[in-house]
Every structure is written in structure tokens, then in C-alpha cells.
Amino acid sequence: MLLRNVFAASLALTATFAIAQDGAAPAPVPPVVPSTTNTPTGKPTSPSTDATSAPAAAPFTTADEVVAAFETRGNALSDAEFAAAAPLIDAAATADSSAAKWKYAKAVLAAHARDFKVARNLMREVVKAETESAVYHMTHAGYTFMSINDAGTLDQMSLAEEGRDAYIEALRIDSTLIEPRIGLAEFYIQAPGIAGGSWKKANEQAQALIDLPDGRGQFYGYMMKARIAAERDRWKEMSENFTLAETAQGEEASPFVAMISHANALLDKKEDAKAALVQAERALPLAPANDYTAHAVMGRCKQSLKDWQGAADSFAQVLAIKPDAKLSRLGYATALEKLGKQTEALQHYREFVTRFPSDDLTEKAKDGIARLNRAGIR
């Protein structure tokens, strides 16, 4: 099974649909020892619940095992597995520096270390040597797009085109792949018309996902159609596609993700907090364990509606799960201040400044502290 390019998927879905302003809920951490069966397209396996168990055996014994793991479940690997993989790949690459598979593995390791420029450059060498590997072209595309933010303005357009062309190459080899269609749709949405952007082409990729055999791409396809409609302020079409995504088949299909993404789009794009709250409340009973995103969206909706007690209650639920949720921490402090709970509000404004001293929102927290100090709250 082909590697799910986590970077392209994150670019296209997690960041794009902005599941919650405080960030997506933490994914389950896969166990250190690889599963005896491959997890579909790299989807994380369930974490071990025994925190006191003895250390697991080394996850890999050969460099070839590492490459196979990268290709089948790369984004499900733990930090410990990446650490175990590195010396095996370094040794193999030293023995045979020209082998494409070792360069590919080194690119994956570089990307894990968030050095996307190095990862991209290695993948350029790989695809020149192995022109008929869809995995390699997808990986090249993903790392190219992830390296764009570190490039100069003049280089960004050429890198976007490089990533686009790599996705096109992957589809030339295998037209049933999901990741390249998501990546291409994102390119066509985000690029200016003069640089190849096109609503029509983005919709074609979304429809191609829906039309994949066995419904494999239905969920992603409807989610992408909803995204495109939201970008074009076509609210009825947006909601229709999010609703279709709720019951869609396919890889990573999730009614919860469809509902909470719908809520975010209504809140952030349409600025309709009342309608967004309805969707977030629908999503809440479906939330995975320890997932705070529905509470975060509900808090933001209630804040917009000036339901300060409701906002405080929702933000408190978020902070109980994720204490470093920035918007929820600041929102909680604001709601407490509005409710007249000034001492508690001051505590949380100060907590925000302590946790996020250099954040763009820190000045708002400092303003809150100064305002309460002027009122005699210390």
C-alpha cells in the first residue's frame, strides 16, 4: 500500500479545514514496536495503555525494514522508531551512496527533523533516478510544498510549480491515488490565476476523488468540494457538501471531522456563530476521547454570541485536556473578566504571558493584566 504523504495531507486538510484554531487534537501515538500488519495508508495505530511495561525490542534490524516502514506507515512511526531508523539508514547510505532508496529514507528522516529543504533536495535526486515510483513523486511533492515557507518570494512560485508537477507525475503512474489529487486541488485553490490557479481544476480533482473505485476518496472529495465552496462564499453548496461528507465512505471518513470542519467554516468564513454552534454541538457526542476541538469551537461561538458563562465553560473543558491551547486560554481569561471574576481572569492572563511570551496575542493578555491592575486587582 502506498505511503500516505503526511505533509501533503496536513497541508491540504488539517491546515486547510482548520479543525480548531487551537490546533487539531493530538493524534494517537503509535507503539514503538511496529504492528504485525500494516496500518492502512499510514494511519496511526492505538497507543499502548501500559506506561510501566518493559522497553520494547529494537523496532528495526535492517535498513530495508526501515524503508518498508517509511513506505507503508511513515506518518504513524514514533520518535523512538525514527531514532532507531537513523543509524541503520546512515550506515546503508555510507556503503552505497547512490542508491535511491537510501536517499529517500534520508529525505524522510530530514523531514521528520523538519528540514524540508534538505528533504526536498534529496527527493529531487531520487525521482531523477527512479522515474516510475508514485511514492517517490508524492514524497517529492509533499516536501517541496512544505519547504515553500522557507524560500524567498521569487522562489516560491517555481517551488509551487515543482510540487504541482510532481503530483501530476504520481497520477500519471497511478491515477487511483488520493494524496496527489488533494495536493493538486490545494494548488489550484491557492495559486493566483496567473500562476495556474483554477476553481474549475480544483473541483475536477475533488470530483475525481469522489469517483475513485470502492468509494475510497469520497470523504476527501466532499470535504474538498466544501472547502472550495467556502472559499467562494457559496454557503448553501458548502453546507451540502459537508453534509454529504458526514455519511461518505472512504479513507479516514469521519462524521466528527465533517461536522467540526463545517462549524469552523461557518464561524470563520461565513461569520455565522449561531449556525456554527449548532454544528459543533452535533459534533461533540462523536468526539474521540481526549479531543478538545468541539469544545474549542463551541467556546469561540459562544464568545462571539457574548454568552460569557457558556464560553467560559467550553474553554475550561479545552484547558483541562490541553493546557497550552492559546486561544482557549485567552478566551477563558476574557470570559472570566466579563463575568466579573477578576482575580481568576488575572491568573489566566498571567498564565498566557508565561506560556506564550512571544506570541502575537501576548499583548492582548498584557492589556488584560494592565486593565485589571488599574481596577485594583493584583
Protein backbone atom coordinates (compact mmCIF):
# COMPACT_ATOMS: atom_id res chain seq x y z
CA MET A 1 0.00 0.00 0.00
CA LEU A 2 1.36 3.42 -0.92
CA LEU A 3 2.67 5.79 1.70
CA ARG A 4 0.28 8.48 2.86
CA ASN A 5 2.30 11.62 2.49
CA VAL A 6 1.54 13.16 5.83
CA PHE A 7 2.91 16.54 4.87
CA ALA A 8 0.71 16.88 1.81
CA ALA A 9 -2.31 15.58 3.70
CA SER A 10 -1.67 18.02 6.53
CA LEU A 11 -1.28 20.89 4.10
CA ALA A 12 -4.45 20.01 2.27
CA LEU A 13 -6.75 19.04 5.11
CA THR A 14 -5.59 19.80 8.63
CA ALA A 15 -4.38 23.33 7.93
CA THR A 16 -6.92 23.92 5.21
CA PHE A 17 -10.05 22.97 7.09
CA ALA A 18 -8.61 24.45 10.33
CA ILE A 19 -10.35 21.91 12.53
CA ALA A 20 -9.85 24.24 15.50
CA GLN A 21 -7.99 27.49 15.92
CA ASP A 22 -6.12 25.98 18.86
CA GLY A 23 -4.95 23.18 16.54
CA ALA A 24 -6.11 19.69 15.72
CA ALA A 25 -6.45 17.25 18.57
CA PRO A 26 -3.35 15.18 19.26
CA ALA A 27 -3.22 12.05 17.13
CA PRO A 28 -2.80 8.73 18.94
CA VAL A 29 0.86 7.90 19.45
CA PRO A 30 1.72 4.62 17.75
CA PRO A 31 3.50 1.93 19.73
CA VAL A 32 7.27 1.69 19.38
CA VAL A 33 7.12 -1.86 18.06
CA PRO A 34 5.62 -1.98 14.56
CA SER A 35 2.31 -3.71 14.20
CA THR A 36 2.41 -7.15 12.61
CA THR A 37 0.07 -5.81 9.94
CA ASN A 38 0.46 -2.58 8.02
CA THR A 39 -1.86 0.19 9.13
CA PRO A 40 -3.85 1.47 6.13
CA THR A 41 -2.06 4.38 4.42
CA GLY A 42 -0.04 5.09 7.49
CA LYS A 43 -2.96 5.73 9.83
CA PRO A 44 -1.71 5.69 13.45
CA THR A 45 -2.31 2.58 15.49
CA SER A 46 -3.71 2.67 19.00
CA PRO A 47 -1.26 3.61 21.75
CA SER A 48 -0.23 1.20 24.46
CA THR A 49 -2.05 1.83 27.71
CA ASP A 50 0.61 0.24 29.92
CA ALA A 51 3.01 3.07 30.74
CA THR A 52 5.08 0.86 33.03
CA SER A 53 5.76 -2.00 30.62
CA ALA A 54 9.32 -3.01 29.83
CA PRO A 55 11.09 -1.30 26.91
CA ALA A 56 10.21 -2.81 23.55
CA ALA A 57 12.74 -4.60 21.41
CA ALA A 58 14.52 -2.63 18.67
CA PRO A 59 11.89 -1.88 16.02
CA PHE A 60 14.22 -2.42 13.04
CA THR A 61 17.11 -4.75 12.35
CA THR A 62 17.91 -3.76 8.75
CA ALA A 63 17.78 -0.61 6.63
CA ASP A 64 15.39 -2.35 4.23
CA GLU A 65 12.92 -2.78 7.08
CA VAL A 66 13.15 0.96 7.69
CA VAL A 67 12.39 1.79 4.06
CA ALA A 68 9.43 -0.58 4.07
CA ALA A 69 8.09 1.06 7.23
CA PHE A 70 8.50 4.53 5.73
CA GLU A 71 6.60 3.46 2.61
CA THR A 72 3.70 1.80 4.40
CA ARG A 73 3.17 3.76 7.59
CA GLY A 74 5.62 6.64 7.63
CA ASN A 75 3.46 9.15 9.49
CA ALA A 76 2.49 6.55 12.10
CA LEU A 77 6.05 5.99 13.27
CA SER A 78 7.05 7.18 16.72
CA ASP A 79 10.02 9.37 17.56
CA ALA A 80 11.70 6.28 19.02
CA GLU A 81 11.30 4.44 15.73
CA PHE A 82 12.75 7.35 13.79
CA ALA A 83 15.69 7.44 16.22
CA ALA A 84 16.25 3.71 15.71
CA ALA A 85 16.00 4.09 11.94
CA ALA A 86 18.60 6.83 11.56
CA PRO A 87 21.83 4.85 12.23
CA LEU A 88 20.69 1.98 10.01
CA ILE A 89 20.00 4.34 7.12
CA ASP A 90 23.24 6.27 7.68
CA ALA A 91 25.23 3.05 7.52
CA ALA A 92 23.44 1.85 4.40
CA ALA A 93 23.88 5.21 2.65
CA THR A 94 27.58 5.25 3.51
CA ALA A 95 28.00 1.81 1.99
CA ASP A 96 26.05 2.72 -1.17
CA SER A 97 25.55 6.46 -1.50
CA SER A 98 23.99 6.24 -4.96
CA ALA A 99 21.01 4.01 -4.06
CA ALA A 100 17.74 5.89 -4.45
CA LYS A 101 16.04 4.05 -1.59
CA TRP A 102 18.62 5.26 0.94
CA LYS A 103 18.31 8.84 -0.31
CA TYR A 104 14.55 8.51 0.01
CA ALA A 105 14.93 7.26 3.58
CA LYS A 106 17.31 10.11 4.41
CA ALA A 107 14.75 12.54 3.00
CA VAL A 108 12.06 11.11 5.29
CA LEU A 109 14.42 11.46 8.27
CA ALA A 110 15.24 15.05 7.30
CA ALA A 111 11.55 15.87 7.03
CA HIS A 112 10.90 14.34 10.43
CA ALA A 113 13.54 16.77 11.74
CA ARG A 114 11.59 19.49 9.88
CA ASP A 115 14.44 20.25 7.49
CA PHE A 116 12.20 20.29 4.45
CA LYS A 117 14.75 21.96 2.19
CA VAL A 118 17.17 19.06 2.65
CA ALA A 119 14.30 16.58 2.24
CA ARG A 120 13.16 18.27 -0.97
CA ASN A 121 16.67 18.33 -2.47
CA LEU A 122 17.20 14.65 -1.69
CA MET A 123 13.88 13.77 -3.33
CA ARG A 124 14.90 15.67 -6.46
CA GLU A 125 17.81 13.25 -6.78
CA VAL A 126 15.58 10.26 -6.04
CA VAL A 127 12.98 10.99 -8.74
CA LYS A 128 15.70 11.52 -11.33
CA ALA A 129 16.98 8.01 -10.60
CA GLU A 130 13.59 6.32 -10.11
CA THR A 131 11.16 7.96 -12.51
CA GLU A 132 8.35 5.40 -12.22
CA SER A 133 7.73 5.40 -8.46
CA ALA A 134 4.49 7.09 -7.45
CA VAL A 135 5.62 7.01 -3.80
CA TYR A 136 8.75 8.96 -4.65
CA HIS A 137 6.92 11.56 -6.73
CA MET A 138 4.31 12.05 -3.98
CA THR A 139 7.02 12.43 -1.37
CA HIS A 140 8.91 14.88 -3.58
CA ALA A 141 5.74 16.96 -3.98
CA GLY A 142 4.91 16.97 -0.29
CA TYR A 143 8.36 18.05 0.83
CA THR A 144 8.54 20.67 -1.90
CA PHE A 145 5.34 22.31 -0.72
CA MET A 146 6.45 22.09 2.90
CA SER A 147 9.70 23.90 2.03
CA ILE A 148 7.96 26.88 0.40
CA ASN A 149 7.65 28.98 3.56
CA ASP A 150 11.42 28.91 3.99
CA ALA A 151 12.07 30.08 0.43
CA GLY A 152 12.42 33.60 -0.89
CA THR A 153 9.49 35.25 -2.62
CA LEU A 154 10.96 34.78 -6.08
CA ASP A 155 11.50 31.06 -5.48
CA GLN A 156 8.07 30.29 -4.06
CA MET A 157 6.23 30.24 -7.38
CA SER A 158 8.75 27.90 -9.01
CA LEU A 159 8.63 25.58 -5.99
CA ALA A 160 4.82 25.51 -6.14
CA GLU A 161 5.03 24.54 -9.80
CA GLU A 162 7.62 21.87 -8.96
CA GLY A 163 5.30 20.39 -6.35
CA ARG A 164 2.34 20.51 -8.71
CA ASP A 165 4.28 18.74 -11.46
CA ALA A 166 5.42 16.05 -9.03
CA TYR A 167 1.81 15.31 -8.08
CA ILE A 168 0.90 15.13 -11.76
CA GLU A 169 3.71 12.63 -12.30
CA ALA A 170 2.44 10.48 -9.43
CA LEU A 171 -1.03 10.41 -11.02
CA ARG A 172 0.47 9.53 -14.40
CA ILE A 173 1.84 6.41 -12.74
CA ASP A 174 -1.26 5.63 -10.67
CA SER A 175 -4.45 7.60 -11.26
CA THR A 176 -6.18 5.97 -8.26
CA LEU A 177 -4.00 7.75 -5.68
CA ILE A 178 -5.66 10.08 -3.18
CA GLU A 179 -2.82 12.28 -1.94
CA PRO A 180 -1.82 13.84 -5.26
CA ARG A 181 -5.41 14.84 -6.01
CA ILE A 182 -5.70 16.56 -2.63
CA GLY A 183 -2.41 18.34 -3.24
CA LEU A 184 -3.37 19.41 -6.74
CA ALA A 185 -6.74 20.69 -5.59
CA GLU A 186 -4.97 22.78 -2.95
CA PHE A 187 -2.59 24.15 -5.55
CA TYR A 188 -5.45 25.17 -7.84
CA ILE A 189 -7.29 26.81 -4.90
CA GLN A 190 -4.36 28.77 -3.55
CA ALA A 191 -2.42 29.75 -6.67
CA PRO A 192 -3.33 33.03 -8.39
CA GLY A 193 -4.93 32.62 -11.79
CA ILE A 194 -1.80 33.89 -13.50
CA ALA A 195 0.16 31.09 -11.79
CA GLY A 196 -2.26 28.31 -12.65
CA GLY A 197 -4.96 28.68 -10.04
CA SER A 198 -8.38 27.48 -11.14
CA TRP A 199 -11.66 26.76 -9.34
CA LYS A 200 -12.65 24.50 -12.22
CA LYS A 201 -9.50 22.40 -11.95
CA ALA A 202 -9.80 22.22 -8.16
CA ASN A 203 -13.35 20.92 -8.49
CA GLU A 204 -12.24 18.38 -11.08
CA GLN A 205 -9.76 16.93 -8.59
CA ALA A 206 -12.42 16.83 -5.87
CA GLN A 207 -14.83 15.03 -8.20
CA ALA A 208 -12.09 12.60 -9.23
CA LEU A 209 -11.67 11.72 -5.56
CA ILE A 210 -15.39 11.04 -5.22
CA ASP A 211 -15.31 8.86 -8.32
CA LEU A 212 -12.45 6.61 -7.20
CA PRO A 213 -13.29 2.87 -7.11
CA ASP A 214 -14.94 1.48 -3.97
CA GLY A 215 -15.63 4.96 -2.63
CA ARG A 216 -12.06 5.28 -1.35
CA GLY A 217 -11.90 9.01 -1.94
CA GLN A 218 -15.49 10.04 -1.20
CA PHE A 219 -14.85 11.66 2.15
CA TYR A 220 -11.89 13.70 0.95
CA GLY A 221 -13.73 14.63 -2.23
CA TYR A 222 -16.79 16.06 -0.48
CA MET A 223 -14.61 17.80 2.09
CA MET A 224 -12.63 19.40 -0.72
CA LYS A 225 -15.79 20.48 -2.53
CA ALA A 226 -16.98 22.07 0.72
CA ARG A 227 -13.65 23.84 1.07
CA ILE A 228 -13.83 25.21 -2.46
CA ALA A 229 -17.40 26.43 -1.93
CA ALA A 230 -16.42 28.15 1.32
CA GLU A 231 -13.58 29.96 -0.41
CA ARG A 232 -16.11 31.23 -2.97
CA ASP A 233 -18.73 32.25 -0.36
CA ARG A 234 -21.18 29.68 -1.74
CA TRP A 235 -22.66 28.81 1.64
CA LYS A 236 -25.50 26.53 0.54
CA GLU A 237 -23.13 24.48 -1.62
CA MET A 238 -20.59 24.39 1.21
CA SER A 239 -23.10 23.05 3.73
CA GLU A 240 -24.47 20.49 1.26
CA ASN A 241 -21.01 19.04 0.73
CA PHE A 242 -20.11 18.97 4.41
CA THR A 243 -23.40 17.12 5.00
CA LEU A 244 -22.52 14.62 2.25
CA ALA A 245 -19.10 14.15 3.87
CA GLU A 246 -20.77 13.12 7.14
CA THR A 247 -22.02 9.87 5.58
CA ALA A 248 -19.34 9.43 2.93
CA GLN A 249 -17.27 6.29 2.56
CA GLY A 250 -13.54 6.23 2.12
CA GLU A 251 -10.21 6.53 3.81
CA GLU A 252 -10.30 8.39 7.12
CA ALA A 253 -14.03 9.08 6.74
CA SER A 254 -15.26 10.78 9.91
CA PRO A 255 -18.65 12.33 10.65
CA PHE A 256 -16.98 14.19 13.52
CA VAL A 257 -14.37 15.82 11.28
CA ALA A 258 -17.04 16.76 8.74
CA MET A 259 -19.24 18.37 11.40
CA ILE A 260 -16.49 20.25 13.22
CA SER A 261 -15.00 21.45 9.92
CA HIS A 262 -18.48 22.64 8.93
CA ALA A 263 -18.72 24.52 12.22
CA ASN A 264 -15.35 26.18 11.69
CA ALA A 265 -16.22 27.23 8.15
CA LEU A 266 -19.50 28.75 9.32
CA LEU A 267 -17.72 30.61 12.11
CA ASP A 268 -14.56 31.76 10.33
CA LYS A 269 -15.68 32.12 6.72
CA LYS A 270 -19.39 32.94 6.93
CA GLU A 271 -19.11 34.55 10.39
CA ASP A 272 -22.34 32.88 11.48
CA ALA A 273 -21.63 31.88 15.09
CA LYS A 274 -25.18 30.73 15.76
CA ALA A 275 -25.18 28.23 12.88
CA ALA A 276 -21.62 27.17 13.73
CA LEU A 277 -22.62 26.40 17.30
CA VAL A 278 -25.33 24.03 16.07
CA GLN A 279 -22.77 22.03 14.10
CA ALA A 280 -20.26 21.99 16.96
CA GLU A 281 -22.92 20.73 19.37
CA ARG A 282 -23.80 17.97 16.89
CA ALA A 283 -20.13 17.01 16.69
CA LEU A 284 -19.46 16.93 20.43
CA PRO A 285 -21.01 13.48 21.19
CA LEU A 286 -18.90 12.00 18.37
CA ALA A 287 -15.60 13.45 19.56
CA PRO A 288 -12.80 10.93 20.15
CA ALA A 289 -11.55 10.55 23.70
CA ASN A 290 -9.42 13.50 24.82
CA ASP A 291 -10.30 15.51 21.72
CA TYR A 292 -10.90 19.13 22.64
CA THR A 293 -11.75 20.59 19.23
CA ALA A 294 -15.54 20.64 19.64
CA HIS A 295 -15.21 22.41 22.98
CA ALA A 296 -12.80 24.93 21.42
CA VAL A 297 -15.17 25.74 18.57
CA MET A 298 -18.14 25.94 20.94
CA GLY A 299 -16.20 28.34 23.14
CA ARG A 300 -15.39 30.60 20.23
CA CYS A 301 -19.01 30.52 19.03
CA LYS A 302 -20.33 31.43 22.49
CA GLN A 303 -17.72 34.15 22.79
CA SER A 304 -18.96 35.66 19.51
CA LEU A 305 -22.53 35.43 20.80
CA LYS A 306 -21.47 37.06 24.11
CA ASP A 307 -22.58 34.03 26.10
CA TRP A 308 -19.75 34.52 28.57
CA GLN A 309 -20.70 31.76 31.01
CA GLY A 310 -21.09 29.28 28.17
CA ALA A 311 -17.78 30.38 26.65
CA ALA A 312 -16.00 30.01 30.00
CA ASP A 313 -17.42 26.52 30.47
CA SER A 314 -16.31 25.40 27.00
CA PHE A 315 -12.83 26.92 27.26
CA ALA A 316 -12.39 25.29 30.67
CA GLN A 317 -13.08 21.91 29.04
CA VAL A 318 -10.37 22.62 26.45
CA LEU A 319 -7.79 23.65 29.03
CA ALA A 320 -8.47 20.54 31.11
CA ILE A 321 -7.30 18.50 28.11
CA LYS A 322 -4.76 20.86 26.56
CA PRO A 323 -3.37 23.50 28.95
CA ASP A 324 -1.33 25.17 26.18
CA ALA A 325 -4.33 25.86 23.92
CA LYS A 326 -3.63 29.52 23.21
CA LEU A 327 -6.96 30.87 22.03
CA SER A 328 -8.84 28.95 24.67
CA ARG A 329 -6.54 30.25 27.43
CA LEU A 330 -7.04 33.84 26.28
CA GLY A 331 -10.75 33.28 25.65
CA TYR A 332 -11.17 31.81 29.12
CA ALA A 333 -9.49 34.81 30.73
CA THR A 334 -11.66 37.19 28.71
CA ALA A 335 -14.87 35.35 29.60
CA LEU A 336 -13.97 35.31 33.30
CA GLU A 337 -13.31 39.05 33.21
CA LYS A 338 -16.68 39.65 31.52
CA LEU A 339 -18.34 37.57 34.25
CA GLY A 340 -16.77 39.73 36.94
CA LYS A 341 -14.40 37.00 38.12
CA GLN A 342 -11.46 39.38 38.00
CA THR A 343 -8.99 37.52 40.22
CA GLU A 344 -9.38 34.33 38.19
CA ALA A 345 -9.18 36.29 34.96
CA LEU A 346 -5.90 37.89 36.07
CA GLN A 347 -4.49 34.47 36.86
CA HIS A 348 -5.20 33.22 33.34
CA TYR A 349 -3.95 36.36 31.59
CA ARG A 350 -0.70 35.92 33.52
CA GLU A 351 -0.62 32.21 32.66
CA PHE A 352 -0.93 33.13 28.99
CA VAL A 353 2.02 35.53 29.17
CA THR A 354 4.11 32.92 31.00
CA ARG A 355 3.33 30.18 28.50
CA PHE A 356 3.49 32.33 25.35
CA PRO A 357 5.84 35.28 26.00
CA SER A 358 6.49 35.99 22.30
CA ASP A 359 3.11 35.16 20.77
CA ASP A 360 1.21 37.65 18.62
CA LEU A 361 -1.64 37.52 21.14
CA THR A 362 0.54 38.19 24.19
CA GLU A 363 -0.09 41.94 24.03
CA LYS A 364 -3.82 41.28 24.44
CA ALA A 365 -3.11 39.28 27.58
CA LYS A 366 -0.83 42.04 28.87
CA ASP A 367 -3.57 44.58 28.17
CA GLY A 368 -5.92 42.43 30.26
CA ILE A 369 -3.42 42.37 33.12
CA ALA A 370 -2.98 46.16 32.97
CA ARG A 371 -6.73 46.71 32.85
CA LEU A 372 -7.32 44.57 35.93
CA ASN A 373 -4.38 46.15 37.75
CA ARG A 374 -5.91 49.57 37.16
CA ALA A 375 -9.10 48.22 38.74
CA GLY A 376 -7.08 47.31 41.82
CA ILE A 377 -6.84 43.56 41.09
CA ARG A 378 -3.37 42.25 41.86
